[in-house]
Amino acid sequence: MEKKNYDKWMQEIIEKNQELEIVPTLLLHTCCAPCSSAVIERLSKYFRITVFYYNPNIEPLEEYMKRKEEQKRFLSEVTTPYPINFLDCDYEHEEFIQLSKGLENEKEGGPRCLKCYRLRLLKTALKAQEFHFDYFGTSLTVSPYKNARALNQIGEELQKKFNVKYLYSDFKKRNGYKRSIELSKDYHLYRQDYCGCSFSKAQREQEKKNDT
């Protein structure tokens, strides 16, 4: 099966909108400030962005709040061609707990993560439809630990279901992840060492023990 170039698809979307001389609105789901940094830098010239912080997987609550406040701080400090808005929502951690039942021992990147991707993208698509955004998307594809193909397939499915255009992406391309690390240093952003859920945290702690 031919591997799809989602970064190229995104560039084609951007170029088409530029030809039409329009700057569409984008509801961008973000998981944290570091991952969003390079994504916002790349997209802010072409979209009017609203950052959507919906991450019910993150725990404990103190960690969730810390990441959210760091996301808001970054948005208050970064300079972009168009103002960036922030859309908050309820924590809804129980939603993640329910979908994880029976999958607690799966390794990161497995079936539990795929369900988590879907949960967060579904909420983003629903909000994009509710508030009449032109596009919805996610910063998750900037991470080399996330399955960009699966994320884009879910986004494409939700695009058809809710009639809101999905912004295909693979933000790790063109040194996106490297750039996120550089921007994190520039803005002194808090970088966590686990994805967010208690399961990924336990896995990360075990990996640290194995390295010692």
N, C-alpha and C. Protein backbone atom coordinates (compact mmCIF):
# COMPACT_ATOMS: atom_id res chain seq x y z
N MET A 1 0.85 -1.20 0.00
CA MET A 1 0.00 0.00 0.00
C MET A 1 0.88 1.25 0.00
N GLU A 2 0.56 2.17 -0.86
CA GLU A 2 1.35 3.41 -0.97
C GLU A 2 1.20 4.25 0.30
N LYS A 3 2.33 4.72 0.81
CA LYS A 3 2.32 5.56 2.00
C LYS A 3 1.90 6.97 1.63
N LYS A 4 0.91 7.49 2.34
CA LYS A 4 0.37 8.81 2.02
C LYS A 4 1.23 9.90 2.64
N ASN A 5 1.45 10.95 1.87
CA ASN A 5 2.25 12.08 2.34
C ASN A 5 1.29 13.15 2.87
N TYR A 6 0.98 13.08 4.17
CA TYR A 6 0.00 13.99 4.75
C TYR A 6 0.53 15.42 4.83
N ASP A 7 1.83 15.56 4.94
CA ASP A 7 2.42 16.90 4.95
C ASP A 7 2.21 17.57 3.59
N LYS A 8 2.36 16.81 2.53
CA LYS A 8 2.14 17.33 1.18
C LYS A 8 0.68 17.72 0.99
N TRP A 9 -0.23 16.90 1.52
CA TRP A 9 -1.65 17.21 1.43
C TRP A 9 -1.95 18.54 2.12
N MET A 10 -1.35 18.73 3.28
CA MET A 10 -1.57 19.98 4.00
C MET A 10 -1.07 21.16 3.18
N GLN A 11 0.10 21.01 2.59
CA GLN A 11 0.65 22.10 1.78
C GLN A 11 -0.25 22.42 0.59
N GLU A 12 -0.85 21.42 0.02
CA GLU A 12 -1.77 21.65 -1.11
C GLU A 12 -3.01 22.40 -0.66
N ILE A 13 -3.51 22.10 0.55
CA ILE A 13 -4.65 22.82 1.11
C ILE A 13 -4.29 24.29 1.31
N ILE A 14 -3.12 24.52 1.89
CA ILE A 14 -2.66 25.89 2.15
C ILE A 14 -2.52 26.66 0.84
N GLU A 15 -1.90 26.04 -0.15
CA GLU A 15 -1.68 26.71 -1.44
C GLU A 15 -3.00 27.04 -2.13
N LYS A 16 -3.96 26.14 -2.04
CA LYS A 16 -5.27 26.39 -2.66
C LYS A 16 -5.95 27.59 -2.01
N ASN A 17 -5.88 27.66 -0.67
CA ASN A 17 -6.49 28.79 0.04
C ASN A 17 -5.77 30.10 -0.29
N GLN A 18 -4.46 30.03 -0.48
CA GLN A 18 -3.71 31.23 -0.84
C GLN A 18 -4.11 31.72 -2.23
N GLU A 19 -4.32 30.79 -3.14
CA GLU A 19 -4.76 31.16 -4.49
C GLU A 19 -6.12 31.86 -4.44
N LEU A 20 -6.96 31.42 -3.52
CA LEU A 20 -8.29 32.02 -3.35
C LEU A 20 -8.24 33.29 -2.50
N GLU A 21 -7.05 33.58 -1.96
CA GLU A 21 -6.82 34.76 -1.13
C GLU A 21 -7.74 34.76 0.10
N ILE A 22 -7.83 33.61 0.74
CA ILE A 22 -8.62 33.50 1.97
C ILE A 22 -7.74 33.00 3.11
N VAL A 23 -8.10 33.40 4.32
CA VAL A 23 -7.41 32.93 5.54
C VAL A 23 -8.48 32.22 6.37
N PRO A 24 -8.61 30.92 6.21
CA PRO A 24 -9.68 30.19 6.89
C PRO A 24 -9.46 30.06 8.39
N THR A 25 -10.53 29.75 9.09
CA THR A 25 -10.45 29.52 10.53
C THR A 25 -10.11 28.06 10.78
N LEU A 26 -9.35 27.82 11.84
CA LEU A 26 -8.91 26.47 12.19
C LEU A 26 -9.06 26.26 13.69
N LEU A 27 -9.79 25.21 14.05
CA LEU A 27 -9.84 24.78 15.45
C LEU A 27 -8.75 23.72 15.62
N LEU A 28 -7.70 24.10 16.32
CA LEU A 28 -6.52 23.25 16.45
C LEU A 28 -6.47 22.61 17.83
N HIS A 29 -6.71 21.32 17.89
CA HIS A 29 -6.54 20.61 19.15
C HIS A 29 -5.05 20.55 19.49
N THR A 30 -4.71 20.90 20.73
CA THR A 30 -3.33 20.79 21.17
C THR A 30 -3.25 19.98 22.45
N CYS A 31 -2.13 19.28 22.61
CA CYS A 31 -1.93 18.45 23.80
C CYS A 31 -1.09 19.15 24.84
N CYS A 32 -0.25 20.10 24.42
CA CYS A 32 0.62 20.81 25.35
C CYS A 32 1.28 21.97 24.61
N ALA A 33 1.88 22.86 25.36
CA ALA A 33 2.55 24.01 24.76
C ALA A 33 3.74 23.62 23.88
N PRO A 34 4.63 22.73 24.33
CA PRO A 34 5.77 22.38 23.48
C PRO A 34 5.38 21.84 22.12
N CYS A 35 4.43 20.91 22.08
CA CYS A 35 4.02 20.34 20.79
C CYS A 35 3.32 21.38 19.92
N SER A 36 2.58 22.28 20.54
CA SER A 36 1.85 23.28 19.77
C SER A 36 2.76 24.35 19.19
N SER A 37 3.93 24.55 19.79
CA SER A 37 4.77 25.68 19.42
C SER A 37 5.18 25.68 17.95
N ALA A 38 5.76 24.59 17.48
CA ALA A 38 6.20 24.52 16.09
C ALA A 38 5.02 24.47 15.13
N VAL A 39 3.92 23.87 15.58
CA VAL A 39 2.72 23.78 14.74
C VAL A 39 2.13 25.17 14.52
N ILE A 40 2.01 25.93 15.58
CA ILE A 40 1.48 27.28 15.49
C ILE A 40 2.40 28.16 14.64
N GLU A 41 3.68 28.01 14.82
CA GLU A 41 4.63 28.77 14.00
C GLU A 41 4.41 28.47 12.52
N ARG A 42 4.19 27.21 12.20
CA ARG A 42 4.03 26.81 10.80
C ARG A 42 2.69 27.24 10.21
N LEU A 43 1.63 27.23 11.01
CA LEU A 43 0.29 27.47 10.47
C LEU A 43 -0.24 28.88 10.61
N SER A 44 0.34 29.66 11.50
CA SER A 44 -0.28 30.94 11.87
C SER A 44 -0.28 31.97 10.75
N LYS A 45 0.52 31.75 9.72
CA LYS A 45 0.51 32.67 8.57
C LYS A 45 -0.66 32.37 7.64
N TYR A 46 -1.23 31.19 7.77
CA TYR A 46 -2.22 30.72 6.79
C TYR A 46 -3.62 30.51 7.35
N PHE A 47 -3.75 30.50 8.68
CA PHE A 47 -5.04 30.24 9.31
C PHE A 47 -5.27 31.20 10.47
N ARG A 48 -6.53 31.45 10.73
CA ARG A 48 -6.93 32.15 11.97
C ARG A 48 -7.21 31.04 12.98
N ILE A 49 -6.29 30.87 13.90
CA ILE A 49 -6.28 29.69 14.76
C ILE A 49 -6.97 29.94 16.10
N THR A 50 -7.76 28.96 16.50
CA THR A 50 -8.25 28.87 17.87
C THR A 50 -7.71 27.57 18.43
N VAL A 51 -6.95 27.66 19.51
CA VAL A 51 -6.40 26.47 20.16
C VAL A 51 -7.48 25.86 21.05
N PHE A 52 -7.67 24.55 20.89
CA PHE A 52 -8.67 23.81 21.66
C PHE A 52 -7.95 22.84 22.57
N TYR A 53 -8.08 23.07 23.87
CA TYR A 53 -7.37 22.24 24.84
C TYR A 53 -8.33 21.21 25.43
N TYR A 54 -8.33 20.03 24.83
CA TYR A 54 -9.18 18.93 25.32
C TYR A 54 -8.33 17.69 25.47
N ASN A 55 -7.96 17.37 26.72
CA ASN A 55 -7.05 16.26 26.98
C ASN A 55 -7.45 15.52 28.25
N PRO A 56 -8.55 14.77 28.19
CA PRO A 56 -9.04 14.06 29.38
C PRO A 56 -8.15 12.91 29.81
N ASN A 57 -7.17 12.57 29.00
CA ASN A 57 -6.23 11.50 29.34
C ASN A 57 -5.20 11.93 30.38
N ILE A 58 -4.92 13.22 30.48
CA ILE A 58 -3.84 13.69 31.34
C ILE A 58 -4.21 13.56 32.81
N GLU A 59 -3.31 12.99 33.57
CA GLU A 59 -3.51 12.90 35.01
C GLU A 59 -2.15 12.90 35.71
N PRO A 60 -2.15 13.31 36.96
CA PRO A 60 -3.29 13.74 37.77
C PRO A 60 -3.80 15.13 37.34
N LEU A 61 -4.83 15.59 38.02
CA LEU A 61 -5.43 16.88 37.69
C LEU A 61 -4.41 18.00 37.76
N GLU A 62 -3.49 17.94 38.71
CA GLU A 62 -2.47 18.98 38.85
C GLU A 62 -1.60 19.06 37.59
N GLU A 63 -1.30 17.91 37.02
CA GLU A 63 -0.52 17.88 35.78
C GLU A 63 -1.31 18.46 34.63
N TYR A 64 -2.58 18.12 34.57
CA TYR A 64 -3.48 18.65 33.54
C TYR A 64 -3.51 20.18 33.60
N MET A 65 -3.69 20.72 34.79
CA MET A 65 -3.76 22.16 34.96
C MET A 65 -2.43 22.83 34.63
N LYS A 66 -1.34 22.20 35.01
CA LYS A 66 -0.02 22.76 34.73
C LYS A 66 0.21 22.87 33.23
N ARG A 67 -0.14 21.83 32.50
CA ARG A 67 0.04 21.86 31.05
C ARG A 67 -0.89 22.87 30.39
N LYS A 68 -2.11 22.96 30.89
CA LYS A 68 -3.05 23.93 30.32
C LYS A 68 -2.57 25.36 30.52
N GLU A 69 -2.13 25.67 31.72
CA GLU A 69 -1.67 27.03 32.00
C GLU A 69 -0.42 27.35 31.19
N GLU A 70 0.43 26.36 30.97
CA GLU A 70 1.62 26.58 30.15
C GLU A 70 1.24 26.82 28.70
N GLN A 71 0.21 26.14 28.23
CA GLN A 71 -0.30 26.39 26.88
C GLN A 71 -0.79 27.83 26.75
N LYS A 72 -1.54 28.28 27.73
CA LYS A 72 -2.07 29.65 27.71
C LYS A 72 -0.94 30.68 27.80
N ARG A 73 0.07 30.37 28.60
CA ARG A 73 1.20 31.30 28.70
C ARG A 73 1.91 31.44 27.36
N PHE A 74 2.14 30.32 26.71
CA PHE A 74 2.80 30.38 25.40
C PHE A 74 2.01 31.23 24.42
N LEU A 75 0.70 31.05 24.39
CA LEU A 75 -0.14 31.83 23.47
C LEU A 75 -0.09 33.32 23.78
N SER A 76 0.07 33.65 25.04
CA SER A 76 0.13 35.06 25.43
C SER A 76 1.46 35.70 25.05
N GLU A 77 2.49 34.88 24.83
CA GLU A 77 3.82 35.41 24.55
C GLU A 77 4.22 35.33 23.08
N VAL A 78 3.68 34.38 22.36
CA VAL A 78 4.09 34.20 20.97
C VAL A 78 3.48 35.29 20.09
N THR A 79 4.23 35.71 19.08
CA THR A 79 3.76 36.71 18.13
C THR A 79 3.38 36.03 16.83
N THR A 80 2.16 36.27 16.37
CA THR A 80 1.66 35.65 15.15
C THR A 80 0.97 36.69 14.27
N PRO A 81 0.87 36.43 12.96
CA PRO A 81 0.23 37.40 12.06
C PRO A 81 -1.22 37.69 12.41
N TYR A 82 -1.93 36.67 12.91
CA TYR A 82 -3.32 36.82 13.31
C TYR A 82 -3.46 36.41 14.77
N PRO A 83 -4.31 37.08 15.52
CA PRO A 83 -4.49 36.71 16.95
C PRO A 83 -4.92 35.26 17.09
N ILE A 84 -4.43 34.61 18.11
CA ILE A 84 -4.81 33.22 18.39
C ILE A 84 -5.73 33.19 19.61
N ASN A 85 -6.87 32.56 19.45
CA ASN A 85 -7.82 32.42 20.55
C ASN A 85 -7.61 31.08 21.27
N PHE A 86 -8.18 30.99 22.44
CA PHE A 86 -8.07 29.77 23.24
C PHE A 86 -9.46 29.32 23.65
N LEU A 87 -9.78 28.06 23.34
CA LEU A 87 -11.07 27.49 23.70
C LEU A 87 -10.85 26.38 24.71
N ASP A 88 -11.34 26.58 25.90
CA ASP A 88 -11.20 25.60 26.98
C ASP A 88 -12.44 24.72 27.03
N CYS A 89 -12.38 23.65 27.81
CA CYS A 89 -13.54 22.79 28.00
C CYS A 89 -13.36 22.03 29.31
N ASP A 90 -14.35 21.23 29.66
CA ASP A 90 -14.28 20.47 30.89
C ASP A 90 -13.21 19.38 30.79
N TYR A 91 -12.73 18.97 31.94
CA TYR A 91 -11.67 17.95 32.03
C TYR A 91 -12.16 16.61 31.48
N GLU A 92 -13.31 16.14 31.89
CA GLU A 92 -13.94 14.91 31.40
C GLU A 92 -13.03 13.68 31.48
N HIS A 93 -12.31 13.58 32.59
CA HIS A 93 -11.36 12.48 32.74
C HIS A 93 -12.05 11.11 32.76
N GLU A 94 -13.28 11.08 33.25
CA GLU A 94 -14.00 9.81 33.32
C GLU A 94 -14.22 9.21 31.92
N GLU A 95 -14.32 10.07 30.91
CA GLU A 95 -14.47 9.58 29.54
C GLU A 95 -13.26 8.72 29.15
N PHE A 96 -12.08 9.20 29.51
CA PHE A 96 -10.87 8.44 29.19
C PHE A 96 -10.78 7.15 30.00
N ILE A 97 -11.15 7.20 31.26
CA ILE A 97 -11.11 6.01 32.11
C ILE A 97 -12.01 4.92 31.54
N GLN A 98 -13.20 5.31 31.07
CA GLN A 98 -14.14 4.34 30.52
C GLN A 98 -13.60 3.68 29.26
N LEU A 99 -13.00 4.46 28.37
CA LEU A 99 -12.51 3.87 27.12
C LEU A 99 -11.27 3.00 27.33
N SER A 100 -10.60 3.21 28.48
CA SER A 100 -9.37 2.46 28.76
C SER A 100 -9.62 1.11 29.41
N LYS A 101 -10.85 0.85 29.80
CA LYS A 101 -11.14 -0.41 30.49
C LYS A 101 -10.82 -1.61 29.61
N GLY A 102 -10.04 -2.51 30.18
CA GLY A 102 -9.61 -3.68 29.44
C GLY A 102 -8.34 -3.46 28.64
N LEU A 103 -7.89 -2.20 28.56
CA LEU A 103 -6.70 -1.87 27.76
C LEU A 103 -5.59 -1.28 28.63
N GLU A 104 -5.74 -1.44 29.93
CA GLU A 104 -4.80 -0.80 30.86
C GLU A 104 -3.36 -1.25 30.65
N ASN A 105 -3.15 -2.49 30.22
CA ASN A 105 -1.80 -3.03 30.10
C ASN A 105 -1.23 -2.93 28.68
N GLU A 106 -1.97 -2.28 27.80
CA GLU A 106 -1.46 -2.09 26.44
C GLU A 106 -0.30 -1.09 26.45
N LYS A 107 0.68 -1.33 25.61
CA LYS A 107 1.81 -0.42 25.51
C LYS A 107 1.39 0.87 24.81
N GLU A 108 2.14 1.94 25.08
CA GLU A 108 1.84 3.22 24.43
C GLU A 108 1.93 3.06 22.92
N GLY A 109 0.96 3.63 22.23
CA GLY A 109 0.89 3.51 20.78
C GLY A 109 -0.05 2.41 20.32
N GLY A 110 -0.59 1.62 21.28
CA GLY A 110 -1.47 0.52 20.94
C GLY A 110 -2.94 0.91 20.89
N PRO A 111 -3.85 -0.07 21.05
CA PRO A 111 -5.29 0.17 20.93
C PRO A 111 -5.83 1.24 21.87
N ARG A 112 -5.30 1.33 23.07
CA ARG A 112 -5.78 2.36 24.00
C ARG A 112 -5.50 3.75 23.45
N CYS A 113 -4.32 3.94 22.90
CA CYS A 113 -3.95 5.24 22.35
C CYS A 113 -4.83 5.60 21.14
N LEU A 114 -5.15 4.60 20.34
CA LEU A 114 -6.00 4.87 19.18
C LEU A 114 -7.38 5.34 19.62
N LYS A 115 -7.90 4.75 20.68
CA LYS A 115 -9.19 5.19 21.21
C LYS A 115 -9.09 6.60 21.78
N CYS A 116 -7.96 6.90 22.40
CA CYS A 116 -7.73 8.24 22.95
C CYS A 116 -7.65 9.28 21.83
N TYR A 117 -6.95 8.94 20.74
CA TYR A 117 -6.92 9.84 19.58
C TYR A 117 -8.34 10.17 19.13
N ARG A 118 -9.14 9.11 18.99
CA ARG A 118 -10.50 9.28 18.48
C ARG A 118 -11.33 10.15 19.43
N LEU A 119 -11.20 9.91 20.72
CA LEU A 119 -11.95 10.70 21.70
C LEU A 119 -11.66 12.19 21.54
N ARG A 120 -10.38 12.53 21.44
CA ARG A 120 -10.00 13.94 21.38
C ARG A 120 -10.34 14.58 20.03
N LEU A 121 -10.15 13.82 18.96
CA LEU A 121 -10.49 14.37 17.64
C LEU A 121 -12.00 14.49 17.45
N LEU A 122 -12.76 13.55 18.03
CA LEU A 122 -14.21 13.62 17.95
C LEU A 122 -14.72 14.90 18.61
N LYS A 123 -14.22 15.19 19.80
CA LYS A 123 -14.62 16.41 20.50
C LYS A 123 -14.25 17.64 19.69
N THR A 124 -13.08 17.61 19.08
CA THR A 124 -12.63 18.75 18.27
C THR A 124 -13.53 18.95 17.06
N ALA A 125 -13.87 17.86 16.39
CA ALA A 125 -14.76 17.95 15.22
C ALA A 125 -16.13 18.48 15.62
N LEU A 126 -16.65 18.02 16.73
CA LEU A 126 -17.96 18.48 17.20
C LEU A 126 -17.94 19.98 17.51
N LYS A 127 -16.88 20.44 18.16
CA LYS A 127 -16.77 21.86 18.47
C LYS A 127 -16.56 22.69 17.20
N ALA A 128 -15.82 22.15 16.26
CA ALA A 128 -15.61 22.85 14.99
C ALA A 128 -16.93 23.01 14.24
N GLN A 129 -17.74 21.98 14.29
CA GLN A 129 -19.06 22.05 13.67
C GLN A 129 -19.96 23.04 14.41
N GLU A 130 -19.94 22.98 15.73
CA GLU A 130 -20.78 23.85 16.55
C GLU A 130 -20.49 25.33 16.31
N PHE A 131 -19.19 25.66 16.20
CA PHE A 131 -18.80 27.06 16.08
C PHE A 131 -18.43 27.46 14.66
N HIS A 132 -18.76 26.59 13.70
CA HIS A 132 -18.64 26.91 12.28
C HIS A 132 -17.20 27.25 11.85
N PHE A 133 -16.25 26.44 12.32
CA PHE A 133 -14.88 26.60 11.85
C PHE A 133 -14.75 26.02 10.45
N ASP A 134 -13.83 26.57 9.68
CA ASP A 134 -13.59 26.04 8.34
C ASP A 134 -12.86 24.70 8.39
N TYR A 135 -11.93 24.57 9.34
CA TYR A 135 -11.13 23.35 9.47
C TYR A 135 -10.99 22.97 10.94
N PHE A 136 -10.69 21.69 11.16
CA PHE A 136 -10.22 21.25 12.48
C PHE A 136 -8.99 20.38 12.27
N GLY A 137 -8.14 20.32 13.29
CA GLY A 137 -6.91 19.53 13.19
C GLY A 137 -6.31 19.33 14.56
N THR A 138 -5.13 18.73 14.60
CA THR A 138 -4.47 18.44 15.87
C THR A 138 -2.97 18.60 15.75
N SER A 139 -2.36 19.00 16.86
CA SER A 139 -0.89 19.11 16.92
C SER A 139 -0.23 17.77 17.22
N LEU A 140 -1.00 16.73 17.49
CA LEU A 140 -0.44 15.44 17.91
C LEU A 140 0.54 14.85 16.91
N THR A 141 0.38 15.16 15.63
CA THR A 141 1.24 14.54 14.62
C THR A 141 2.66 15.10 14.63
N VAL A 142 2.94 16.08 15.47
CA VAL A 142 4.32 16.60 15.56
C VAL A 142 5.21 15.62 16.32
N SER A 143 4.61 14.76 17.12
CA SER A 143 5.37 13.86 17.96
C SER A 143 5.78 12.60 17.21
N PRO A 144 7.04 12.20 17.31
CA PRO A 144 7.47 10.94 16.68
C PRO A 144 6.90 9.71 17.38
N TYR A 145 6.27 9.92 18.53
CA TYR A 145 5.67 8.82 19.30
C TYR A 145 4.20 8.62 18.98
N LYS A 146 3.65 9.47 18.12
CA LYS A 146 2.24 9.37 17.76
C LYS A 146 2.10 8.85 16.33
N ASN A 147 1.03 8.10 16.10
CA ASN A 147 0.79 7.48 14.81
C ASN A 147 0.06 8.46 13.89
N ALA A 148 0.81 9.15 13.06
CA ALA A 148 0.23 10.17 12.19
C ALA A 148 -0.77 9.57 11.20
N ARG A 149 -0.48 8.38 10.72
CA ARG A 149 -1.40 7.74 9.77
C ARG A 149 -2.75 7.49 10.41
N ALA A 150 -2.74 6.95 11.64
CA ALA A 150 -3.99 6.67 12.35
C ALA A 150 -4.73 7.96 12.66
N LEU A 151 -4.03 8.98 13.08
CA LEU A 151 -4.66 10.27 13.39
C LEU A 151 -5.34 10.85 12.16
N ASN A 152 -4.66 10.81 11.02
CA ASN A 152 -5.24 11.36 9.80
C ASN A 152 -6.41 10.54 9.29
N GLN A 153 -6.36 9.25 9.48
CA GLN A 153 -7.48 8.40 9.08
C GLN A 153 -8.72 8.72 9.92
N ILE A 154 -8.51 8.92 11.22
CA ILE A 154 -9.63 9.30 12.10
C ILE A 154 -10.16 10.67 11.70
N GLY A 155 -9.26 11.61 11.45
CA GLY A 155 -9.69 12.95 11.04
C GLY A 155 -10.48 12.93 9.75
N GLU A 156 -10.04 12.12 8.81
CA GLU A 156 -10.75 12.01 7.52
C GLU A 156 -12.15 11.43 7.73
N GLU A 157 -12.25 10.43 8.59
CA GLU A 157 -13.55 9.82 8.88
C GLU A 157 -14.50 10.84 9.51
N LEU A 158 -14.01 11.61 10.47
CA LEU A 158 -14.84 12.60 11.15
C LEU A 158 -15.20 13.76 10.23
N GLN A 159 -14.32 14.08 9.31
CA GLN A 159 -14.60 15.11 8.31
C GLN A 159 -15.84 14.76 7.51
N LYS A 160 -15.93 13.52 7.10
CA LYS A 160 -17.08 13.06 6.32
C LYS A 160 -18.34 13.02 7.18
N LYS A 161 -18.20 12.62 8.43
CA LYS A 161 -19.35 12.46 9.31
C LYS A 161 -19.97 13.79 9.71
N PHE A 162 -19.13 14.79 9.97
CA PHE A 162 -19.64 16.06 10.50
C PHE A 162 -19.57 17.22 9.50
N ASN A 163 -19.10 16.92 8.29
CA ASN A 163 -19.07 17.92 7.23
C ASN A 163 -18.27 19.16 7.63
N VAL A 164 -17.14 18.93 8.30
CA VAL A 164 -16.17 19.98 8.63
C VAL A 164 -14.83 19.52 8.08
N LYS A 165 -14.15 20.37 7.34
CA LYS A 165 -12.90 19.98 6.70
C LYS A 165 -11.81 19.69 7.74
N TYR A 166 -11.11 18.61 7.50
CA TYR A 166 -10.01 18.21 8.37
C TYR A 166 -8.68 18.64 7.75
N LEU A 167 -7.80 19.22 8.56
CA LEU A 167 -6.49 19.62 8.07
C LEU A 167 -5.52 18.45 8.25
N TYR A 168 -5.26 17.76 7.14
CA TYR A 168 -4.29 16.67 7.18
C TYR A 168 -2.93 17.23 7.61
N SER A 169 -2.16 16.39 8.31
CA SER A 169 -0.86 16.88 8.77
C SER A 169 0.08 15.75 9.14
N ASP A 170 1.34 16.05 9.09
CA ASP A 170 2.38 15.24 9.70
C ASP A 170 3.45 16.23 10.11
N PHE A 171 3.19 16.92 11.20
CA PHE A 171 4.00 18.07 11.58
C PHE A 171 5.43 17.71 11.96
N LYS A 172 5.73 16.42 12.17
CA LYS A 172 7.11 16.04 12.46
C LYS A 172 7.98 16.17 11.22
N LYS A 173 7.35 16.19 10.04
CA LYS A 173 8.09 16.39 8.80
C LYS A 173 8.73 17.78 8.79
N ARG A 174 9.78 17.90 8.00
CA ARG A 174 10.52 19.18 7.88
C ARG A 174 11.02 19.65 9.26
N ASN A 175 11.50 18.68 10.03
CA ASN A 175 12.11 18.96 11.34
C ASN A 175 11.14 19.62 12.32
N GLY A 176 9.86 19.26 12.23
CA GLY A 176 8.87 19.86 13.11
C GLY A 176 9.10 19.56 14.58
N TYR A 177 9.44 18.30 14.87
CA TYR A 177 9.67 17.94 16.27
C TYR A 177 10.91 18.63 16.81
N LYS A 178 11.96 18.66 16.00
CA LYS A 178 13.20 19.36 16.39
C LYS A 178 12.92 20.83 16.66
N ARG A 179 12.10 21.43 15.82
CA ARG A 179 11.78 22.85 16.00
C ARG A 179 10.98 23.07 17.28
N SER A 180 10.12 22.11 17.63
CA SER A 180 9.34 22.25 18.87
C SER A 180 10.26 22.24 20.09
N ILE A 181 11.33 21.48 20.03
CA ILE A 181 12.30 21.45 21.13
C ILE A 181 13.03 22.79 21.22
N GLU A 182 13.39 23.34 20.06
CA GLU A 182 14.07 24.63 20.04
C GLU A 182 13.18 25.74 20.60
N LEU A 183 11.92 25.76 20.18
CA LEU A 183 10.99 26.78 20.67
C LEU A 183 10.70 26.60 22.16
N SER A 184 10.67 25.37 22.61
CA SER A 184 10.46 25.12 24.04
C SER A 184 11.58 25.75 24.86
N LYS A 185 12.78 25.67 24.35
CA LYS A 185 13.92 26.30 25.03
C LYS A 185 13.81 27.82 24.98
N ASP A 186 13.42 28.33 23.81
CA ASP A 186 13.31 29.78 23.65
C ASP A 186 12.29 30.38 24.60
N TYR A 187 11.17 29.68 24.79
CA TYR A 187 10.08 30.18 25.62
C TYR A 187 10.09 29.59 27.04
N HIS A 188 11.11 28.78 27.32
CA HIS A 188 11.25 28.15 28.65
C HIS A 188 9.98 27.37 29.02
N LEU A 189 9.54 26.55 28.07
CA LEU A 189 8.30 25.80 28.26
C LEU A 189 8.54 24.54 29.07
N TYR A 190 7.58 24.23 29.89
CA TYR A 190 7.60 22.99 30.66
C TYR A 190 7.38 21.81 29.71
N ARG A 191 8.34 20.88 29.70
CA ARG A 191 8.23 19.68 28.87
C ARG A 191 8.12 18.46 29.77
N GLN A 192 7.02 17.76 29.67
CA GLN A 192 6.81 16.55 30.45
C GLN A 192 7.55 15.38 29.80
N ASP A 193 7.79 14.32 30.56
CA ASP A 193 8.50 13.18 30.00
C ASP A 193 7.59 11.97 29.80
N TYR A 194 6.27 12.19 29.85
CA TYR A 194 5.33 11.12 29.51
C TYR A 194 4.13 11.74 28.80
N CYS A 195 3.42 10.94 28.04
CA CYS A 195 2.34 11.46 27.19
C CYS A 195 1.28 12.18 27.98
N GLY A 196 0.81 11.53 29.06
CA GLY A 196 -0.23 12.19 29.84
C GLY A 196 -0.98 11.29 30.78
N CYS A 197 -1.33 10.09 30.33
CA CYS A 197 -2.13 9.21 31.17
C CYS A 197 -1.26 8.46 32.17
N SER A 198 -1.90 7.89 33.17
CA SER A 198 -1.17 7.15 34.21
C SER A 198 -0.46 5.93 33.63
N PHE A 199 -1.02 5.36 32.57
CA PHE A 199 -0.43 4.17 31.95
C PHE A 199 0.89 4.52 31.26
N SER A 200 0.90 5.65 30.54
CA SER A 200 2.13 6.06 29.87
C SER A 200 3.17 6.51 30.89
N LYS A 201 2.71 7.08 31.99
CA LYS A 201 3.64 7.49 33.05
C LYS A 201 4.31 6.28 33.67
N ALA A 202 3.52 5.24 33.94
CA ALA A 202 4.08 4.01 34.51
C ALA A 202 5.08 3.36 33.56
N GLN A 203 4.75 3.38 32.27
CA GLN A 203 5.65 2.80 31.27
C GLN A 203 6.96 3.58 31.22
N ARG A 204 6.85 4.92 31.28
CA ARG A 204 8.04 5.76 31.24
C ARG A 204 8.92 5.54 32.48
N GLU A 205 8.29 5.41 33.63
CA GLU A 205 9.05 5.18 34.86
C GLU A 205 9.76 3.84 34.83
N GLN A 206 9.11 2.83 34.23
CA GLN A 206 9.75 1.53 34.10
C GLN A 206 10.95 1.60 33.16
N GLU A 207 10.80 2.37 32.08
CA GLU A 207 11.90 2.53 31.13
C GLU A 207 13.10 3.21 31.79
N LYS A 208 12.82 4.18 32.67
CA LYS A 208 13.90 4.85 33.38
C LYS A 208 14.65 3.86 34.29
N LYS A 209 13.89 3.00 34.95
CA LYS A 209 14.50 2.00 35.83
C LYS A 209 15.37 1.04 35.02
N ASN A 210 14.88 0.68 33.84
CA ASN A 210 15.62 -0.26 33.01
C ASN A 210 16.92 0.36 32.48
N ASP A 211 16.93 1.69 32.36
CA ASP A 211 18.11 2.39 31.84
C ASP A 211 19.20 2.58 32.89
N THR A 212 18.81 2.44 34.17
CA THR A 212 19.78 2.66 35.25
C THR A 212 20.58 1.39 35.56
